[in-house]
N, C-alpha and C. Protein backbone atom coordinates (compact mmCIF):
# COMPACT_ATOMS: atom_id res chain seq x y z
N MET A 1 48.96 -68.91 -21.10
CA MET A 1 48.84 -68.11 -22.22
C MET A 1 50.22 -67.48 -22.55
N LEU A 2 50.59 -67.44 -23.79
CA LEU A 2 51.69 -66.67 -24.13
C LEU A 2 51.62 -66.07 -25.42
N ILE A 3 52.33 -65.06 -25.59
CA ILE A 3 52.30 -64.51 -27.10
C ILE A 3 53.75 -64.56 -27.65
N ARG A 4 53.75 -64.83 -28.94
CA ARG A 4 55.05 -65.13 -29.58
C ARG A 4 54.91 -64.48 -31.13
N PRO A 5 55.86 -64.14 -31.63
CA PRO A 5 55.99 -63.50 -32.90
C PRO A 5 55.18 -64.27 -33.97
N LEU A 6 54.43 -63.51 -34.96
CA LEU A 6 53.82 -64.16 -36.08
C LEU A 6 54.79 -64.87 -36.92
N GLU A 7 54.57 -66.09 -37.33
CA GLU A 7 55.40 -66.83 -38.23
C GLU A 7 54.83 -67.24 -39.51
N ARG A 8 55.42 -67.42 -40.40
CA ARG A 8 54.74 -67.93 -41.74
C ARG A 8 53.79 -69.06 -41.49
N LYS A 9 54.22 -69.99 -40.68
CA LYS A 9 53.34 -71.11 -40.33
C LYS A 9 51.97 -70.89 -39.88
N ASP A 10 51.73 -69.60 -39.34
CA ASP A 10 50.52 -69.07 -38.81
C ASP A 10 49.58 -68.53 -39.91
N LEU A 11 50.03 -68.48 -41.01
CA LEU A 11 49.25 -67.62 -41.98
C LEU A 11 47.93 -68.33 -42.36
N LYS A 12 47.78 -69.54 -42.30
CA LYS A 12 46.46 -70.33 -42.59
C LYS A 12 45.55 -69.85 -41.44
N LYS A 13 46.09 -69.78 -40.26
CA LYS A 13 45.07 -69.39 -39.24
C LYS A 13 44.60 -67.87 -39.40
N ILE A 14 45.54 -67.02 -39.93
CA ILE A 14 45.34 -65.67 -40.03
C ILE A 14 44.34 -65.44 -41.22
N HIS A 15 44.60 -66.16 -42.24
CA HIS A 15 43.74 -66.18 -43.37
C HIS A 15 42.19 -66.45 -43.08
N HIS A 16 42.18 -67.60 -42.09
CA HIS A 16 40.72 -67.94 -41.66
C HIS A 16 40.10 -66.72 -40.92
N ILE A 17 40.83 -66.06 -39.96
CA ILE A 17 40.41 -64.96 -39.27
C ILE A 17 40.15 -63.73 -40.21
N ASN A 18 41.00 -63.43 -41.06
CA ASN A 18 40.72 -62.30 -42.07
C ASN A 18 39.47 -62.36 -42.96
N ASN A 19 39.07 -63.73 -43.08
CA ASN A 19 37.95 -63.88 -43.88
C ASN A 19 36.52 -64.11 -43.29
N GLN A 20 36.56 -63.87 -41.83
CA GLN A 20 35.38 -63.96 -41.06
C GLN A 20 34.81 -62.67 -40.84
N ARG A 21 33.55 -62.44 -41.53
CA ARG A 21 32.81 -61.18 -41.60
C ARG A 21 32.66 -60.41 -40.17
N ASP A 22 32.12 -61.29 -39.27
CA ASP A 22 31.91 -60.68 -37.82
C ASP A 22 33.22 -60.32 -37.23
N THR A 23 34.04 -61.25 -37.25
CA THR A 23 35.44 -60.77 -36.66
C THR A 23 36.08 -59.61 -37.21
N MET A 24 36.12 -59.62 -38.61
CA MET A 24 36.75 -58.47 -39.07
C MET A 24 36.06 -57.10 -38.90
N ALA A 25 34.67 -57.17 -38.64
CA ALA A 25 33.93 -55.93 -38.52
C ALA A 25 34.34 -55.33 -37.24
N TYR A 26 34.91 -55.99 -36.24
CA TYR A 26 35.39 -55.42 -35.07
C TYR A 26 36.76 -54.55 -35.34
N TRP A 27 37.46 -54.83 -36.29
CA TRP A 27 38.56 -54.12 -36.86
C TRP A 27 38.22 -53.16 -37.82
N PHE A 28 36.91 -53.02 -38.20
CA PHE A 28 36.42 -52.06 -39.21
C PHE A 28 36.99 -52.44 -40.58
N GLU A 29 37.35 -53.63 -40.82
CA GLU A 29 37.89 -54.00 -42.15
C GLU A 29 37.09 -55.04 -42.93
N GLU A 30 37.31 -54.99 -44.18
CA GLU A 30 36.44 -56.00 -45.10
C GLU A 30 37.12 -57.21 -44.87
N ALA A 31 36.09 -58.26 -44.81
CA ALA A 31 36.50 -59.67 -44.69
C ALA A 31 36.66 -60.31 -46.00
N TYR A 32 37.59 -59.96 -46.66
CA TYR A 32 38.06 -60.54 -47.89
C TYR A 32 39.49 -60.43 -48.16
N GLU A 33 40.18 -61.68 -48.18
CA GLU A 33 41.64 -61.59 -48.47
C GLU A 33 41.99 -62.90 -49.14
N SER A 34 42.66 -63.08 -50.09
CA SER A 34 43.23 -64.28 -50.67
C SER A 34 44.46 -64.61 -49.95
N PHE A 35 44.69 -66.01 -50.05
CA PHE A 35 45.91 -66.50 -49.15
C PHE A 35 47.07 -65.85 -49.93
N ASP A 36 47.02 -65.77 -51.21
CA ASP A 36 48.34 -65.34 -51.85
C ASP A 36 48.64 -63.94 -51.66
N GLU A 37 47.63 -62.97 -51.45
CA GLU A 37 47.78 -61.79 -50.99
C GLU A 37 48.29 -61.69 -49.52
N LEU A 38 47.88 -62.59 -48.75
CA LEU A 38 48.33 -62.55 -47.37
C LEU A 38 49.83 -63.10 -47.40
N GLU A 39 50.14 -63.99 -48.16
CA GLU A 39 51.56 -64.19 -48.18
C GLU A 39 52.57 -63.20 -48.61
N GLU A 40 52.13 -62.50 -49.64
CA GLU A 40 52.71 -61.46 -50.10
C GLU A 40 52.87 -60.20 -49.13
N LEU A 41 51.77 -59.94 -48.32
CA LEU A 41 51.79 -58.86 -47.28
C LEU A 41 52.82 -59.45 -46.20
N TYR A 42 52.82 -60.60 -45.87
CA TYR A 42 53.73 -61.18 -44.91
C TYR A 42 55.12 -60.94 -45.36
N ALA A 43 55.42 -61.36 -46.42
CA ALA A 43 56.81 -61.11 -47.08
C ALA A 43 57.24 -59.64 -47.14
N LYS A 44 56.39 -58.89 -47.51
CA LYS A 44 56.63 -57.46 -47.60
C LYS A 44 56.89 -56.87 -46.27
N HIS A 45 56.25 -57.23 -45.23
CA HIS A 45 56.17 -56.58 -43.98
C HIS A 45 56.99 -57.27 -42.87
N ILE A 46 57.72 -58.37 -43.35
CA ILE A 46 58.54 -59.21 -42.25
C ILE A 46 59.53 -58.36 -41.57
N HIS A 47 60.07 -57.37 -42.23
CA HIS A 47 61.20 -56.58 -41.71
C HIS A 47 60.75 -55.16 -41.40
N ASP A 48 59.40 -54.95 -41.47
CA ASP A 48 58.74 -53.54 -41.29
C ASP A 48 58.98 -53.19 -39.68
N THR A 49 59.62 -52.05 -39.46
CA THR A 49 59.74 -51.75 -38.08
C THR A 49 58.49 -50.95 -37.43
N HIS A 50 57.62 -50.88 -38.34
CA HIS A 50 56.40 -50.08 -37.78
C HIS A 50 55.24 -50.95 -37.48
N GLU A 51 55.39 -52.24 -37.20
CA GLU A 51 54.46 -53.03 -36.91
C GLU A 51 55.12 -54.21 -36.01
N ARG A 52 54.35 -54.88 -35.28
CA ARG A 52 54.67 -56.04 -34.47
C ARG A 52 53.36 -56.91 -34.37
N ARG A 53 53.40 -58.03 -34.79
CA ARG A 53 52.34 -58.97 -34.77
C ARG A 53 52.69 -60.20 -34.03
N PHE A 54 51.84 -60.42 -33.04
CA PHE A 54 52.11 -61.65 -32.08
C PHE A 54 50.87 -62.64 -32.28
N VAL A 55 51.14 -63.96 -32.12
CA VAL A 55 50.11 -64.95 -32.02
C VAL A 55 49.84 -65.22 -30.55
N ILE A 56 48.56 -65.30 -30.25
CA ILE A 56 48.15 -65.64 -28.78
C ILE A 56 48.16 -67.22 -28.83
N GLN A 57 48.74 -67.90 -27.89
CA GLN A 57 48.63 -69.33 -27.81
C GLN A 57 48.12 -69.74 -26.35
N GLU A 58 47.29 -70.67 -26.28
CA GLU A 58 46.79 -71.26 -25.10
C GLU A 58 46.90 -72.71 -25.09
N ASN A 59 47.76 -73.27 -24.34
CA ASN A 59 48.11 -74.80 -24.23
C ASN A 59 48.58 -75.25 -25.51
N GLY A 60 49.39 -74.37 -26.35
CA GLY A 60 50.06 -74.74 -27.58
C GLY A 60 49.19 -74.60 -28.76
N GLU A 61 47.95 -74.18 -28.52
CA GLU A 61 46.90 -73.97 -29.69
C GLU A 61 46.80 -72.41 -29.99
N PHE A 62 46.83 -72.22 -31.46
CA PHE A 62 46.50 -70.84 -31.82
C PHE A 62 45.19 -70.34 -31.20
N ALA A 63 45.32 -69.23 -30.56
CA ALA A 63 43.95 -68.59 -29.92
C ALA A 63 43.64 -67.21 -30.46
N GLY A 64 44.50 -66.61 -31.27
CA GLY A 64 44.30 -65.24 -31.72
C GLY A 64 45.49 -64.50 -32.08
N VAL A 65 45.27 -63.20 -32.33
CA VAL A 65 46.49 -62.32 -32.46
C VAL A 65 46.37 -61.06 -31.74
N VAL A 66 47.35 -60.45 -31.52
CA VAL A 66 47.61 -58.97 -30.93
C VAL A 66 48.55 -58.51 -31.69
N GLU A 67 48.22 -57.18 -32.03
CA GLU A 67 49.27 -56.51 -32.94
C GLU A 67 49.39 -55.04 -32.61
N LEU A 68 50.71 -54.58 -32.60
CA LEU A 68 51.08 -53.29 -32.58
C LEU A 68 51.37 -52.72 -33.90
N VAL A 69 50.57 -51.72 -34.30
CA VAL A 69 50.67 -51.22 -35.78
C VAL A 69 50.66 -49.74 -35.74
N ASP A 70 51.23 -49.30 -37.00
CA ASP A 70 51.26 -47.82 -37.00
C ASP A 70 52.32 -47.28 -36.05
N ILE A 71 53.38 -47.96 -35.75
CA ILE A 71 54.29 -47.63 -34.71
C ILE A 71 55.13 -46.32 -35.28
N ASP A 72 54.99 -45.12 -34.56
CA ASP A 72 55.65 -44.01 -35.02
C ASP A 72 56.64 -43.80 -33.90
N TYR A 73 57.98 -43.66 -34.31
CA TYR A 73 58.98 -43.53 -33.39
C TYR A 73 59.44 -42.14 -33.17
N ILE A 74 58.75 -41.05 -33.84
CA ILE A 74 58.96 -39.67 -33.46
C ILE A 74 58.13 -39.33 -32.13
N PRO A 75 56.79 -39.37 -32.28
CA PRO A 75 56.07 -39.15 -31.07
C PRO A 75 55.88 -40.25 -30.13
N ARG A 76 56.40 -41.49 -30.60
CA ARG A 76 56.57 -42.73 -29.84
C ARG A 76 55.02 -43.20 -29.46
N THR A 77 54.39 -43.47 -30.48
CA THR A 77 52.84 -43.90 -30.42
C THR A 77 52.66 -45.15 -31.25
N CYS A 78 51.62 -45.88 -30.94
CA CYS A 78 51.28 -46.94 -31.92
C CYS A 78 49.77 -47.35 -31.44
N GLU A 79 49.18 -48.00 -32.41
CA GLU A 79 48.01 -48.61 -32.21
C GLU A 79 47.96 -50.08 -31.87
N ILE A 80 47.13 -50.52 -30.99
CA ILE A 80 47.01 -51.96 -30.60
C ILE A 80 45.75 -52.49 -31.00
N GLN A 81 45.65 -53.88 -31.58
CA GLN A 81 44.54 -54.51 -32.02
C GLN A 81 44.63 -55.87 -31.33
N VAL A 82 43.47 -56.58 -31.12
CA VAL A 82 43.44 -57.88 -30.65
C VAL A 82 42.40 -58.62 -31.24
N ILE A 83 42.51 -59.76 -31.48
CA ILE A 83 41.34 -60.78 -31.84
C ILE A 83 41.53 -62.13 -31.22
N VAL A 84 40.67 -62.73 -30.42
CA VAL A 84 40.66 -63.95 -29.84
C VAL A 84 39.66 -64.84 -30.59
N LEU A 85 39.89 -65.90 -31.03
CA LEU A 85 39.04 -66.93 -31.80
C LEU A 85 37.94 -67.21 -30.80
N SER A 86 36.66 -67.26 -31.29
CA SER A 86 35.39 -67.50 -30.41
C SER A 86 35.60 -68.65 -29.54
N LYS A 87 36.32 -69.81 -29.95
CA LYS A 87 36.51 -71.05 -29.11
C LYS A 87 37.17 -70.55 -27.77
N PHE A 88 37.93 -69.57 -27.85
CA PHE A 88 38.76 -69.17 -26.67
C PHE A 88 38.33 -67.99 -25.87
N ARG A 89 37.19 -67.50 -26.26
CA ARG A 89 36.73 -66.30 -25.50
C ARG A 89 36.30 -66.59 -24.23
N GLY A 90 36.23 -65.77 -23.39
CA GLY A 90 35.62 -65.81 -21.85
C GLY A 90 36.86 -66.33 -20.97
N ARG A 91 38.09 -66.47 -21.44
CA ARG A 91 39.18 -66.84 -20.75
C ARG A 91 40.05 -65.71 -20.18
N LYS A 92 39.78 -64.70 -20.40
CA LYS A 92 40.66 -63.40 -20.20
C LYS A 92 41.93 -63.41 -21.20
N LEU A 93 42.00 -64.15 -22.27
CA LEU A 93 43.14 -64.14 -23.11
C LEU A 93 43.42 -62.74 -23.70
N ALA A 94 42.33 -62.08 -24.19
CA ALA A 94 42.61 -60.73 -24.76
C ALA A 94 43.12 -59.80 -23.89
N GLN A 95 42.73 -59.92 -22.62
CA GLN A 95 43.23 -58.99 -21.53
C GLN A 95 44.65 -59.37 -21.29
N GLN A 96 45.07 -60.53 -21.22
CA GLN A 96 46.40 -61.00 -20.95
C GLN A 96 47.22 -60.83 -22.09
N ALA A 97 46.91 -60.98 -23.19
CA ALA A 97 47.61 -60.70 -24.41
C ALA A 97 47.94 -59.17 -24.78
N MET A 98 46.93 -58.49 -24.36
CA MET A 98 46.99 -56.98 -24.60
C MET A 98 48.09 -56.60 -23.63
N ASP A 99 48.00 -57.06 -22.14
CA ASP A 99 48.85 -56.65 -21.24
C ASP A 99 50.29 -56.92 -21.68
N LYS A 100 50.54 -58.11 -22.14
CA LYS A 100 52.00 -58.48 -22.56
C LYS A 100 52.31 -57.62 -23.82
N ALA A 101 51.51 -57.34 -24.85
CA ALA A 101 51.78 -56.50 -25.93
C ALA A 101 51.97 -54.98 -25.44
N LEU A 102 51.44 -54.44 -24.47
CA LEU A 102 51.65 -53.22 -23.93
C LEU A 102 52.98 -53.20 -23.29
N GLU A 103 53.32 -54.40 -22.52
CA GLU A 103 54.78 -54.33 -21.87
C GLU A 103 55.73 -54.35 -23.01
N HIS A 104 55.46 -54.84 -24.10
CA HIS A 104 56.40 -54.85 -25.21
C HIS A 104 56.48 -53.44 -25.77
N ALA A 105 55.42 -52.88 -25.95
CA ALA A 105 55.37 -51.48 -26.56
C ALA A 105 56.10 -50.53 -25.62
N PHE A 106 55.83 -50.54 -24.32
CA PHE A 106 56.41 -49.53 -23.49
C PHE A 106 57.79 -49.86 -23.03
N PHE A 107 58.09 -51.13 -22.75
CA PHE A 107 59.47 -51.55 -22.14
C PHE A 107 60.54 -51.87 -23.25
N ILE A 108 59.95 -52.33 -24.43
CA ILE A 108 60.97 -52.81 -25.40
C ILE A 108 61.09 -51.71 -26.59
N LEU A 109 59.95 -51.21 -26.98
CA LEU A 109 59.89 -50.21 -28.04
C LEU A 109 59.91 -48.82 -27.48
N ASN A 110 59.82 -48.59 -26.25
CA ASN A 110 59.74 -47.31 -25.60
C ASN A 110 58.73 -46.41 -26.08
N MET A 111 57.58 -46.81 -26.51
CA MET A 111 56.38 -45.99 -26.80
C MET A 111 56.13 -45.09 -25.64
N HIS A 112 55.54 -43.90 -25.98
CA HIS A 112 55.08 -43.06 -25.06
C HIS A 112 53.46 -43.38 -24.72
N LYS A 113 52.87 -43.63 -25.88
CA LYS A 113 51.25 -43.80 -25.84
C LYS A 113 50.97 -44.87 -26.82
N VAL A 114 49.95 -45.69 -26.31
CA VAL A 114 49.36 -46.70 -27.24
C VAL A 114 47.81 -46.42 -27.21
N TYR A 115 47.37 -46.56 -28.32
CA TYR A 115 45.91 -46.25 -28.66
C TYR A 115 45.13 -47.22 -29.38
N LEU A 116 43.88 -47.08 -29.29
CA LEU A 116 43.05 -48.03 -30.05
C LEU A 116 41.77 -47.39 -30.38
N TYR A 117 41.10 -48.09 -31.36
CA TYR A 117 39.73 -47.63 -31.88
C TYR A 117 38.76 -48.84 -31.48
N VAL A 118 37.62 -48.47 -30.92
CA VAL A 118 36.54 -49.52 -30.59
C VAL A 118 35.21 -49.01 -30.86
N ASP A 119 34.51 -49.87 -31.42
CA ASP A 119 33.02 -49.58 -31.71
C ASP A 119 32.42 -49.32 -30.40
N THR A 120 31.49 -48.16 -30.35
CA THR A 120 31.07 -47.71 -29.09
C THR A 120 30.00 -48.63 -28.61
N GLU A 121 29.64 -49.53 -29.26
CA GLU A 121 28.52 -50.74 -28.83
C GLU A 121 29.28 -51.98 -28.33
N ASN A 122 30.63 -51.96 -28.47
CA ASN A 122 31.47 -53.15 -28.17
C ASN A 122 31.60 -53.05 -26.63
N LYS A 123 30.71 -53.28 -25.88
CA LYS A 123 30.79 -53.04 -24.30
C LYS A 123 31.87 -54.11 -23.83
N PRO A 124 31.85 -55.42 -24.14
CA PRO A 124 32.85 -56.29 -23.59
C PRO A 124 34.17 -55.94 -23.77
N ALA A 125 34.68 -55.34 -25.08
CA ALA A 125 35.88 -54.93 -25.27
C ALA A 125 36.28 -53.56 -24.57
N ILE A 126 35.31 -52.67 -24.49
CA ILE A 126 35.58 -51.43 -23.86
C ILE A 126 35.88 -51.71 -22.35
N HIS A 127 35.13 -52.68 -21.74
CA HIS A 127 35.45 -53.01 -20.32
C HIS A 127 36.77 -53.60 -20.16
N ILE A 128 37.25 -54.45 -21.17
CA ILE A 128 38.75 -55.04 -20.98
C ILE A 128 39.62 -53.81 -21.03
N TYR A 129 39.46 -52.89 -22.01
CA TYR A 129 40.40 -51.91 -22.34
C TYR A 129 40.51 -50.98 -20.94
N GLN A 130 39.34 -50.61 -20.43
CA GLN A 130 39.31 -49.92 -19.27
C GLN A 130 40.09 -50.56 -18.22
N LYS A 131 39.88 -51.92 -17.97
CA LYS A 131 40.67 -52.65 -16.91
C LYS A 131 42.18 -52.49 -17.06
N LEU A 132 42.54 -52.59 -18.40
CA LEU A 132 43.99 -52.29 -18.67
C LEU A 132 44.45 -51.06 -18.43
N GLY A 133 43.69 -49.94 -18.21
CA GLY A 133 44.02 -48.72 -17.90
C GLY A 133 43.82 -47.59 -19.12
N PHE A 134 43.16 -48.08 -20.26
CA PHE A 134 42.86 -47.32 -21.32
C PHE A 134 41.85 -46.20 -20.71
N GLN A 135 42.04 -44.94 -21.29
CA GLN A 135 41.26 -43.90 -21.07
C GLN A 135 40.43 -43.52 -22.37
N LEU A 136 39.20 -43.22 -22.19
CA LEU A 136 38.40 -42.69 -23.35
C LEU A 136 38.83 -41.25 -23.64
N GLU A 137 39.36 -40.98 -24.86
CA GLU A 137 39.92 -39.65 -25.32
C GLU A 137 38.92 -38.87 -26.12
N GLY A 138 37.99 -39.81 -26.74
CA GLY A 138 37.05 -39.03 -27.57
C GLY A 138 36.07 -40.04 -28.40
N THR A 139 35.09 -39.73 -29.04
CA THR A 139 34.26 -40.49 -29.83
C THR A 139 34.07 -39.75 -31.21
N MET A 140 34.28 -40.51 -32.10
CA MET A 140 34.07 -40.24 -33.44
C MET A 140 32.97 -40.61 -34.27
N LYS A 141 32.16 -39.86 -34.66
CA LYS A 141 30.73 -40.07 -35.20
C LYS A 141 31.08 -40.76 -36.71
N GLU A 142 30.24 -41.79 -36.89
CA GLU A 142 30.31 -42.49 -38.17
C GLU A 142 31.60 -42.56 -38.66
N GLN A 143 32.51 -42.99 -37.94
CA GLN A 143 33.96 -43.17 -38.33
C GLN A 143 34.24 -44.35 -39.12
N PHE A 144 33.58 -45.46 -38.99
CA PHE A 144 33.98 -46.61 -39.71
C PHE A 144 32.57 -47.27 -40.31
N TYR A 145 32.76 -48.02 -41.55
CA TYR A 145 31.55 -48.68 -42.05
C TYR A 145 31.88 -50.19 -41.76
N ALA A 146 30.86 -50.80 -41.22
CA ALA A 146 30.93 -52.21 -40.74
C ALA A 146 29.51 -52.64 -40.65
N ARG A 147 29.38 -54.05 -41.15
CA ARG A 147 28.08 -54.63 -40.89
C ARG A 147 26.97 -53.92 -41.61
N GLY A 148 27.24 -53.22 -42.72
CA GLY A 148 26.22 -52.46 -43.40
C GLY A 148 25.78 -51.25 -42.98
N ASN A 149 26.56 -50.54 -41.94
CA ASN A 149 26.18 -49.34 -41.32
C ASN A 149 27.43 -48.49 -40.94
N TYR A 150 27.34 -47.28 -41.00
CA TYR A 150 28.43 -46.41 -40.39
C TYR A 150 28.33 -46.42 -38.81
N ARG A 151 29.41 -46.64 -38.26
CA ARG A 151 29.61 -46.88 -36.79
C ARG A 151 30.36 -45.78 -36.25
N ASP A 152 29.89 -45.44 -34.92
CA ASP A 152 30.65 -44.50 -34.05
C ASP A 152 31.84 -45.26 -33.33
N SER A 153 32.88 -44.64 -33.22
CA SER A 153 34.11 -45.33 -32.58
C SER A 153 34.62 -44.46 -31.50
N HIS A 154 35.06 -45.13 -30.48
CA HIS A 154 35.72 -44.48 -29.35
C HIS A 154 37.27 -44.52 -29.73
N PHE A 155 37.90 -43.47 -29.35
CA PHE A 155 39.34 -43.62 -29.36
C PHE A 155 39.73 -43.62 -27.98
N MET A 156 40.62 -44.55 -27.72
CA MET A 156 41.23 -44.84 -26.19
C MET A 156 42.58 -44.89 -26.34
N GLY A 157 43.31 -44.47 -25.21
CA GLY A 157 44.64 -44.48 -25.08
C GLY A 157 45.09 -44.65 -23.75
N ILE A 158 46.47 -45.08 -23.61
CA ILE A 158 47.08 -45.32 -22.35
C ILE A 158 48.56 -44.68 -22.53
N MET A 159 49.02 -44.06 -21.48
CA MET A 159 50.37 -43.52 -21.39
C MET A 159 51.26 -44.50 -20.85
N LYS A 160 52.53 -44.42 -21.04
CA LYS A 160 53.55 -45.34 -20.41
C LYS A 160 53.50 -45.10 -18.82
N ARG A 161 53.37 -43.80 -18.46
CA ARG A 161 53.54 -43.54 -17.03
C ARG A 161 52.23 -44.13 -16.32
N ASP A 162 51.11 -44.10 -16.99
CA ASP A 162 49.89 -44.76 -16.14
C ASP A 162 50.08 -46.27 -16.23
N PHE A 163 50.65 -46.84 -17.35
CA PHE A 163 50.88 -48.29 -17.33
C PHE A 163 51.77 -48.64 -16.22
N VAL A 164 52.77 -48.02 -16.07
CA VAL A 164 53.85 -48.30 -15.12
C VAL A 164 53.23 -48.18 -13.68
N LYS A 165 52.57 -47.07 -13.39
CA LYS A 165 51.82 -46.95 -12.17
C LYS A 165 50.85 -48.17 -11.76
N GLN A 166 50.08 -48.55 -12.84
CA GLN A 166 49.26 -49.60 -12.65
C GLN A 166 50.01 -51.04 -12.39
N LYS A 167 51.03 -51.19 -13.11
CA LYS A 167 52.00 -52.35 -12.85
C LYS A 167 52.53 -52.37 -11.45
N ASN A 168 52.93 -51.31 -11.13
CA ASN A 168 53.58 -51.00 -9.65
C ASN A 168 52.40 -51.30 -8.64
N ARG A 169 51.23 -50.96 -8.91
CA ARG A 169 50.14 -51.11 -7.81
C ARG A 169 49.92 -52.82 -7.78
N GLU A 170 49.86 -53.43 -9.12
CA GLU A 170 49.65 -54.70 -9.22
C GLU A 170 50.57 -55.53 -8.41
N MET A 171 51.88 -55.11 -8.63
CA MET A 171 52.95 -55.76 -7.92
C MET A 171 52.84 -55.67 -6.21
N LYS A 172 52.45 -54.47 -5.82
CA LYS A 172 52.35 -54.25 -4.48
C LYS A 172 51.17 -54.98 -3.90
N ASP A 173 50.07 -55.08 -4.54
CA ASP A 173 48.88 -55.93 -4.27
C ASP A 173 49.29 -57.44 -4.11
N GLU A 174 49.95 -57.92 -5.20
CA GLU A 174 50.37 -59.18 -5.17
C GLU A 174 51.44 -59.52 -4.00
N SER A 175 52.32 -58.66 -3.66
CA SER A 175 53.29 -58.73 -2.53
C SER A 175 52.38 -58.71 -1.19
N SER A 176 51.45 -57.93 -1.09
CA SER A 176 50.47 -57.87 0.14
C SER A 176 49.82 -59.33 0.27
N LYS A 177 49.30 -59.81 -0.92
CA LYS A 177 48.56 -61.03 -0.77
C LYS A 177 49.51 -62.08 -0.38
N LEU A 178 50.81 -62.17 -0.80
CA LEU A 178 51.72 -63.22 -0.49
C LEU A 178 52.07 -63.24 0.99
N GLN A 179 52.22 -61.94 1.45
CA GLN A 179 52.55 -61.73 2.85
C GLN A 179 51.47 -62.06 3.80
N GLY A 180 50.28 -61.97 3.22
CA GLY A 180 49.02 -62.23 4.07
C GLY A 180 48.77 -63.65 4.19
N SER A 181 49.45 -64.57 3.25
CA SER A 181 48.96 -65.93 3.46
C SER A 181 49.94 -66.72 4.05
């Protein structure tokens, strides 16, 4: 699995994702976008320093996207979002892609905190986020409208210092395993 910057050639796949009602409900967004609109947005945002969009690839195939958006360089915060195509779910790609995007956010962009919003009933996503080190910071009642209902949303975040500690523990654990074999 690897992540790479979103390119113009990926727009047809993004258009497909953006028009899937169930998928976009996880991002609390309307599943409606014309391809012309998407192309215009791509051109408008290609040099935008307040977002980074990455394609998730698995064995050379487009498997989804992970994005850092609303990048704010004053408090050094940004939001992270991920979508993995249903065909690729269950392979830990969301977790791996988010981990790489967090490395980019903290070690390249020098963010202090990365946050996300998640439907309180999306237990698989919450589990992944907790494994990555995200902490629940609060719950917002009826924050988003999706699937015909107002939905409660958790606000979760991870600080750079906690991400670094977790990475150091992982490296130490990996080193111990190598020495033990």
